[in-house]
Amino acid sequence: MASESDRFPNQPIDPSLCTLDTCPLSQSIFRYQPNLAMAIAPLVLFGLLTVGHIISGWRYKTWTYLISILIGLVLELAGYVGRILAHGNPFLDDYYLLQIVVLTCAPVLFCAAIYICLGRIVVTCGPEMSRLRPAWYTPIFLTCDVISLALQGTGGAITSTANDDVGRQRGINIMLGGLSFQVATIAIFGFLFLEFLWRTHASHKISNDLQNASLVQSKKWTAYLWSLGSATLLILIRSIYRVAEMAGGYDGKLMKDENTFLVFEGILIVVAVLLLLVFHPGAVMDGFGGSVKSKVSDKTAYGSSVEEGGSEMNPMHV
């Protein structure tokens, strides 16, 4: 069997000068040639989702929600453009670094959009069942998102400017720290979200506000909560995958497995962003709360009261 030197007799000493004709794929940072179709398909899907979110955001005036998701989608698009370019030349480190940095960071923005929603959900269902004041959810979890994004961005910057594998791995390790922090944040958020829904369900009480009472008993509200929870779970699973991938380093099995990458980084995130579009908070809550009114005091049931009482109705009932 011919050796690599026999099959590629004109292999340059500098790997950055390699081409598909002169070097084996083992010399590339990918260790494989990115599949063109597997890069174009997510690019097209994320492009369509971008258009859909712009239309819905404009229609319902959910600007903060829109901006957060839109930034994440732009990063996703840039990442898959990087993979398309890498198909033509998998030996150029710049293409690899482009896609790994932006695709790693993008879901942080989708998480931010989800965090924005929880405070409004608490107000609508009844804040007396929440461990935190409704106004606290967004700033607390967005701060965690900023920390995670800063770590991942710093790691990405170090990785992209490093001149050797040691420097790149140092950047990867910092990105790994940011991803691990993101996983912990999503897990805590998920716990608070599920516990709040369970306590609300078990209490059989909702606000006396008739609009809120009607909304939380509707099928669209139940579907909205399920979709938000599902999107959160999908992003959590994806983030755990990326932690495992980066923990294995450049030569790890997951880092070289494109099919697994497509499932966890591509399909899971496409479905999550699709859920955030199909079950848009603006459609459910009429402009993200424009008509959903609830007078909430500064206290909750964990130390507290609310200005409006509760009625004996189950907010999770459809």
Protein backbone atom coordinates (compact mmCIF):
# COMPACT_ATOMS: atom_id res chain seq x y z
CA MET A 1 0.00 0.00 0.00
CA ALA A 2 1.39 3.38 -1.01
CA SER A 3 2.45 5.74 1.75
CA GLU A 4 1.26 9.36 1.97
CA SER A 5 4.63 10.55 0.68
CA ASP A 6 4.27 8.26 -2.34
CA ARG A 7 0.71 9.39 -3.08
CA PHE A 8 1.54 13.06 -2.56
CA PRO A 9 5.13 13.46 -3.78
CA ASN A 10 4.75 17.24 -4.16
CA GLN A 11 3.54 17.83 -0.61
CA PRO A 12 4.82 21.26 0.58
CA ILE A 13 6.62 21.65 3.88
CA ASP A 14 4.26 24.46 4.96
CA PRO A 15 0.74 22.98 5.53
CA SER A 16 -0.83 26.36 4.70
CA LEU A 17 0.37 25.88 1.12
CA CYS A 18 -1.36 22.52 0.81
CA THR A 19 -4.11 21.79 -1.69
CA LEU A 20 -6.29 18.74 -2.23
CA ASP A 21 -3.91 17.69 -4.99
CA THR A 22 -0.70 18.01 -3.02
CA CYS A 23 -1.55 16.95 0.55
CA PRO A 24 -3.57 14.28 2.36
CA LEU A 25 -6.61 15.43 4.36
CA SER A 26 -4.85 14.32 7.53
CA GLN A 27 -2.71 17.44 7.13
CA SER A 28 -5.75 19.74 7.36
CA ILE A 29 -7.01 21.09 10.67
CA PHE A 30 -10.42 19.55 9.89
CA ARG A 31 -8.92 16.12 9.21
CA TYR A 32 -11.63 15.80 6.53
CA GLN A 33 -13.05 17.75 3.59
CA PRO A 34 -16.32 19.44 4.69
CA ASN A 35 -19.25 18.09 2.70
CA LEU A 36 -20.62 20.81 0.44
CA ALA A 37 -24.27 19.73 0.64
CA MET A 38 -24.03 19.45 4.44
CA ALA A 39 -22.90 23.08 4.54
CA ILE A 40 -25.31 24.51 1.95
CA ALA A 41 -28.44 22.91 3.46
CA PRO A 42 -28.05 24.55 6.91
CA LEU A 43 -27.09 27.83 5.22
CA VAL A 44 -30.34 27.84 3.23
CA LEU A 45 -32.43 26.84 6.25
CA PHE A 46 -30.90 29.50 8.49
CA GLY A 47 -31.39 32.02 5.68
CA LEU A 48 -35.11 31.20 5.53
CA LEU A 49 -35.36 31.38 9.32
CA THR A 50 -33.70 34.79 9.22
CA VAL A 51 -36.35 36.08 6.83
CA GLY A 52 -39.11 34.55 8.96
CA HIS A 53 -37.85 36.09 12.19
CA ILE A 54 -37.42 39.51 10.59
CA ILE A 55 -41.02 39.42 9.34
CA SER A 56 -42.40 38.25 12.70
CA GLY A 57 -40.26 40.65 14.71
CA TRP A 58 -41.38 43.57 12.58
CA ARG A 59 -45.01 42.48 12.73
CA TYR A 60 -45.14 42.06 16.52
CA LYS A 61 -42.57 44.77 17.39
CA THR A 62 -40.57 42.34 19.52
CA TRP A 63 -37.34 44.22 18.95
CA THR A 64 -35.15 42.82 21.73
CA TYR A 65 -36.20 39.25 20.95
CA LEU A 66 -35.63 39.87 17.24
CA ILE A 67 -32.20 41.48 17.64
CA SER A 68 -30.94 38.66 19.83
CA ILE A 69 -32.06 35.94 17.43
CA LEU A 70 -30.97 37.91 14.37
CA ILE A 71 -27.40 38.27 15.64
CA GLY A 72 -27.31 34.55 16.34
CA LEU A 73 -28.59 33.77 12.85
CA VAL A 74 -26.00 36.03 11.23
CA LEU A 75 -23.31 34.09 13.10
CA GLU A 76 -24.82 30.80 11.93
CA LEU A 77 -24.82 32.01 8.32
CA ALA A 78 -21.20 33.13 8.59
CA GLY A 79 -20.23 29.78 10.05
CA TYR A 80 -21.70 27.76 7.21
CA VAL A 81 -20.20 30.12 4.64
CA GLY A 82 -16.89 29.26 6.30
CA ARG A 83 -17.61 25.54 5.88
CA ILE A 84 -18.52 26.04 2.22
CA LEU A 85 -15.22 27.83 1.65
CA ALA A 86 -13.42 25.09 3.55
CA HIS A 87 -14.84 22.49 1.17
CA GLY A 88 -12.69 24.03 -1.55
CA ASN A 89 -9.62 24.33 0.67
CA PRO A 90 -9.78 22.46 4.00
CA PHE A 91 -6.10 23.26 4.60
CA LEU A 92 -6.65 26.99 5.19
CA ASP A 93 -6.89 27.53 8.94
CA ASP A 94 -8.85 30.78 8.56
CA TYR A 95 -11.90 28.94 7.24
CA TYR A 96 -11.77 26.46 10.10
CA LEU A 97 -11.41 29.16 12.72
CA LEU A 98 -14.24 31.22 11.20
CA GLN A 99 -16.73 28.40 11.41
CA ILE A 100 -15.71 27.01 14.80
CA VAL A 101 -15.77 30.40 16.55
CA VAL A 102 -19.06 31.77 15.20
CA LEU A 103 -20.95 28.46 15.30
CA THR A 104 -19.85 27.94 18.89
CA CYS A 105 -21.03 31.41 19.95
CA ALA A 106 -24.30 31.67 17.98
CA PRO A 107 -26.59 29.64 20.30
CA VAL A 108 -25.74 31.98 23.18
CA LEU A 109 -27.87 34.59 21.41
CA PHE A 110 -30.76 32.16 20.99
CA CYS A 111 -30.59 31.44 24.72
CA ALA A 112 -30.78 35.18 25.38
CA ALA A 113 -34.04 35.36 23.41
CA ILE A 114 -35.44 32.50 25.49
CA TYR A 115 -34.39 34.14 28.76
CA ILE A 116 -36.22 37.32 27.74
CA CYS A 117 -39.45 35.33 27.54
CA LEU A 118 -39.46 33.83 31.03
CA GLY A 119 -40.12 37.05 32.93
CA ARG A 120 -43.23 37.66 30.83
CA ILE A 121 -44.39 34.07 31.36
CA VAL A 122 -44.06 34.49 35.13
CA VAL A 123 -46.08 37.72 35.05
CA THR A 124 -48.78 36.07 32.97
CA CYS A 125 -49.13 32.85 34.99
CA GLY A 126 -48.73 34.41 38.42
CA PRO A 127 -45.48 35.72 39.96
CA GLU A 128 -46.34 34.45 43.43
CA MET A 129 -45.17 31.00 42.31
CA SER A 130 -41.74 32.19 41.19
CA ARG A 131 -38.52 31.96 43.19
CA LEU A 132 -37.37 35.20 41.56
CA ARG A 133 -39.10 38.46 40.83
CA PRO A 134 -40.18 38.57 37.17
CA ALA A 135 -37.92 41.55 36.48
CA TRP A 136 -34.87 39.63 37.67
CA TYR A 137 -34.89 36.76 35.16
CA THR A 138 -33.75 38.67 32.10
CA PRO A 139 -30.86 40.65 33.69
CA ILE A 140 -29.54 37.64 35.64
CA PHE A 141 -29.51 35.21 32.75
CA LEU A 142 -28.47 37.77 30.17
CA THR A 143 -25.49 38.62 32.38
CA CYS A 144 -24.58 34.93 32.41
CA ASP A 145 -24.96 34.91 28.63
CA VAL A 146 -22.60 37.87 28.30
CA ILE A 147 -20.01 36.11 30.47
CA SER A 148 -20.33 32.94 28.39
CA LEU A 149 -20.09 34.87 25.14
CA ALA A 150 -17.08 36.84 26.40
CA LEU A 151 -15.23 33.64 27.30
CA GLN A 152 -16.07 31.99 24.01
CA GLY A 153 -15.17 35.13 22.05
CA THR A 154 -11.87 35.52 23.90
CA GLY A 155 -11.04 31.89 23.30
CA GLY A 156 -11.95 32.28 19.66
CA ALA A 157 -9.72 35.33 19.31
CA ILE A 158 -6.78 33.50 20.87
CA THR A 159 -7.40 30.48 18.66
CA SER A 160 -7.59 32.56 15.48
CA THR A 161 -4.36 34.48 16.19
CA ALA A 162 -2.28 31.58 17.52
CA ASN A 163 0.68 30.47 15.44
CA ASP A 164 0.82 26.87 16.62
CA ASP A 165 -1.33 24.03 17.93
CA VAL A 166 -0.42 24.83 21.54
CA GLY A 167 -1.77 28.36 21.22
CA ARG A 168 -4.86 27.17 19.42
CA GLN A 169 -5.54 24.59 22.10
CA ARG A 170 -5.23 27.31 24.76
CA GLY A 171 -7.95 29.25 22.95
CA ILE A 172 -10.06 26.10 22.64
CA ASN A 173 -9.74 25.55 26.40
CA ILE A 174 -11.06 29.06 27.10
CA MET A 175 -13.93 28.46 24.69
CA LEU A 176 -14.55 25.20 26.53
CA GLY A 177 -14.83 27.15 29.78
CA GLY A 178 -17.37 29.48 28.19
CA LEU A 179 -19.37 26.54 26.86
CA SER A 180 -19.32 24.81 30.24
CA PHE A 181 -20.58 28.00 31.88
CA GLN A 182 -23.32 28.16 29.23
CA VAL A 183 -24.37 24.58 29.97
CA ALA A 184 -24.60 25.37 33.69
CA THR A 185 -26.63 28.52 32.98
CA ILE A 186 -29.09 26.72 30.72
CA ALA A 187 -29.47 23.92 33.27
CA ILE A 188 -30.27 26.37 36.09
CA PHE A 189 -32.67 28.26 33.84
CA GLY A 190 -34.37 25.01 32.86
CA PHE A 191 -34.75 24.01 36.50
CA LEU A 192 -36.33 27.34 37.46
CA PHE A 193 -38.59 27.24 34.41
CA LEU A 194 -39.84 23.70 35.09
CA GLU A 195 -40.22 24.28 38.81
CA PHE A 196 -42.25 27.44 38.21
CA LEU A 197 -44.57 25.62 35.80
CA TRP A 198 -44.96 22.73 38.22
CA ARG A 199 -45.72 24.99 41.19
CA THR A 200 -48.21 26.95 39.09
CA HIS A 201 -49.86 23.74 37.91
CA ALA A 202 -50.04 22.31 41.43
CA SER A 203 -51.46 25.49 42.96
CA HIS A 204 -54.53 25.58 40.66
CA LYS A 205 -54.36 29.36 40.79
CA ILE A 206 -53.91 32.09 38.24
CA SER A 207 -54.28 35.84 38.16
CA ASN A 208 -57.75 37.37 38.39
CA ASP A 209 -56.89 39.33 35.24
CA LEU A 210 -59.39 37.99 32.70
CA GLN A 211 -57.04 38.35 29.73
CA ASN A 212 -54.32 36.40 31.48
CA ALA A 213 -56.79 33.78 32.71
CA SER A 214 -58.06 33.22 29.19
CA LEU A 215 -54.57 33.10 27.71
CA VAL A 216 -53.01 30.58 30.09
CA GLN A 217 -55.90 28.16 29.58
CA SER A 218 -55.56 28.26 25.80
CA LYS A 219 -53.98 25.59 23.61
CA LYS A 220 -51.65 28.13 22.05
CA TRP A 221 -50.22 28.97 25.49
CA THR A 222 -49.58 25.31 26.26
CA ALA A 223 -47.95 24.87 22.83
CA TYR A 224 -45.84 27.97 23.44
CA LEU A 225 -44.53 26.67 26.76
CA TRP A 226 -43.75 23.27 25.26
CA SER A 227 -41.94 24.88 22.33
CA LEU A 228 -39.86 27.13 24.58
CA GLY A 229 -38.94 24.21 26.80
CA SER A 230 -38.08 22.06 23.78
CA ALA A 231 -35.88 24.76 22.24
CA THR A 232 -34.07 25.15 25.56
CA LEU A 233 -33.50 21.39 25.79
CA LEU A 234 -32.20 21.18 22.22
CA ILE A 235 -29.69 23.98 22.82
CA LEU A 236 -28.63 22.33 26.08
CA ILE A 237 -28.01 18.99 24.33
CA ARG A 238 -26.05 20.76 21.59
CA SER A 239 -23.95 22.64 24.14
CA ILE A 240 -23.12 19.43 26.02
CA TYR A 241 -22.00 17.94 22.70
CA ARG A 242 -19.73 20.92 22.01
CA VAL A 243 -18.20 20.63 25.49
CA ALA A 244 -17.44 16.95 24.83
CA GLU A 245 -16.11 17.78 21.36
CA MET A 246 -13.74 20.49 22.53
CA ALA A 247 -12.66 18.52 25.58
CA GLY A 248 -11.29 15.92 23.18
CA GLY A 249 -9.02 18.46 21.50
CA TYR A 250 -8.15 18.85 17.82
CA ASP A 251 -7.39 15.17 17.41
CA GLY A 252 -10.44 13.97 19.33
CA LYS A 253 -12.94 11.63 17.71
CA LEU A 254 -15.86 14.08 17.87
CA MET A 255 -13.83 16.91 16.36
CA LYS A 256 -13.25 14.80 13.25
CA ASP A 257 -16.82 13.43 12.94
CA GLU A 258 -18.75 15.58 10.46
CA ASN A 259 -21.99 13.55 10.64
CA THR A 260 -22.24 14.00 14.40
CA PHE A 261 -21.46 17.70 13.93
CA LEU A 262 -24.32 18.05 11.44
CA VAL A 263 -26.81 16.45 13.83
CA PHE A 264 -25.92 18.33 17.01
CA GLU A 265 -24.70 21.66 15.63
CA GLY A 266 -26.89 21.79 12.54
CA ILE A 267 -30.20 19.96 12.91
CA LEU A 268 -30.75 20.60 16.62
CA ILE A 269 -30.16 24.34 16.29
CA VAL A 270 -32.29 24.63 13.14
CA VAL A 271 -35.19 22.96 14.97
CA ALA A 272 -34.68 25.14 18.06
CA VAL A 273 -34.74 28.38 16.05
CA LEU A 274 -37.73 27.09 14.06
CA LEU A 275 -39.65 26.51 17.31
CA LEU A 276 -38.81 30.06 18.41
CA LEU A 277 -40.34 31.28 15.14
CA VAL A 278 -43.42 29.06 14.79
CA PHE A 279 -44.42 29.65 18.41
CA HIS A 280 -43.43 33.30 18.43
CA PRO A 281 -44.04 35.14 21.74
CA GLY A 282 -45.47 38.11 19.88
CA ALA A 283 -48.19 35.93 18.35
CA VAL A 284 -48.99 34.26 21.67
CA MET A 285 -48.91 37.37 23.84
CA ASP A 286 -50.09 39.95 21.33
CA GLY A 287 -46.91 41.94 20.80
CA PHE A 288 -44.95 40.27 23.59
CA GLY A 289 -47.20 41.46 26.35
CA GLY A 290 -48.82 44.55 24.91
CA SER A 291 -52.24 43.26 25.95
CA VAL A 292 -51.10 40.90 28.66
CA LYS A 293 -51.45 42.98 31.80
CA SER A 294 -50.69 41.97 35.32
CA LYS A 295 -50.08 44.21 38.30
CA VAL A 296 -47.23 42.63 40.11
CA SER A 297 -45.86 43.76 43.43
CA ASP A 298 -42.15 43.69 44.17
CA LYS A 299 -42.51 40.46 46.12
CA THR A 300 -43.21 36.85 45.26
CA ALA A 301 -44.49 33.86 47.17
CA TYR A 302 -40.98 33.26 48.48
CA GLY A 303 -41.20 36.24 50.58
CA SER A 304 -44.42 37.81 49.67
CA SER A 305 -47.58 38.74 47.97
CA VAL A 306 -49.02 40.08 44.76
CA GLU A 307 -51.51 42.83 44.27
CA GLU A 308 -53.92 40.59 42.41
CA GLY A 309 -55.34 37.49 43.97
CA GLY A 310 -55.64 34.08 42.37
CA SER A 311 -58.67 32.23 41.14
CA GLU A 312 -59.24 28.51 41.42
CA MET A 313 -58.29 27.65 37.86
CA ASN A 314 -55.48 25.54 36.52
CA PRO A 315 -53.23 27.61 34.21
CA MET A 316 -51.83 24.48 32.60
CA HIS A 317 -55.26 23.10 31.73
CA VAL A 318 -56.25 23.06 28.05
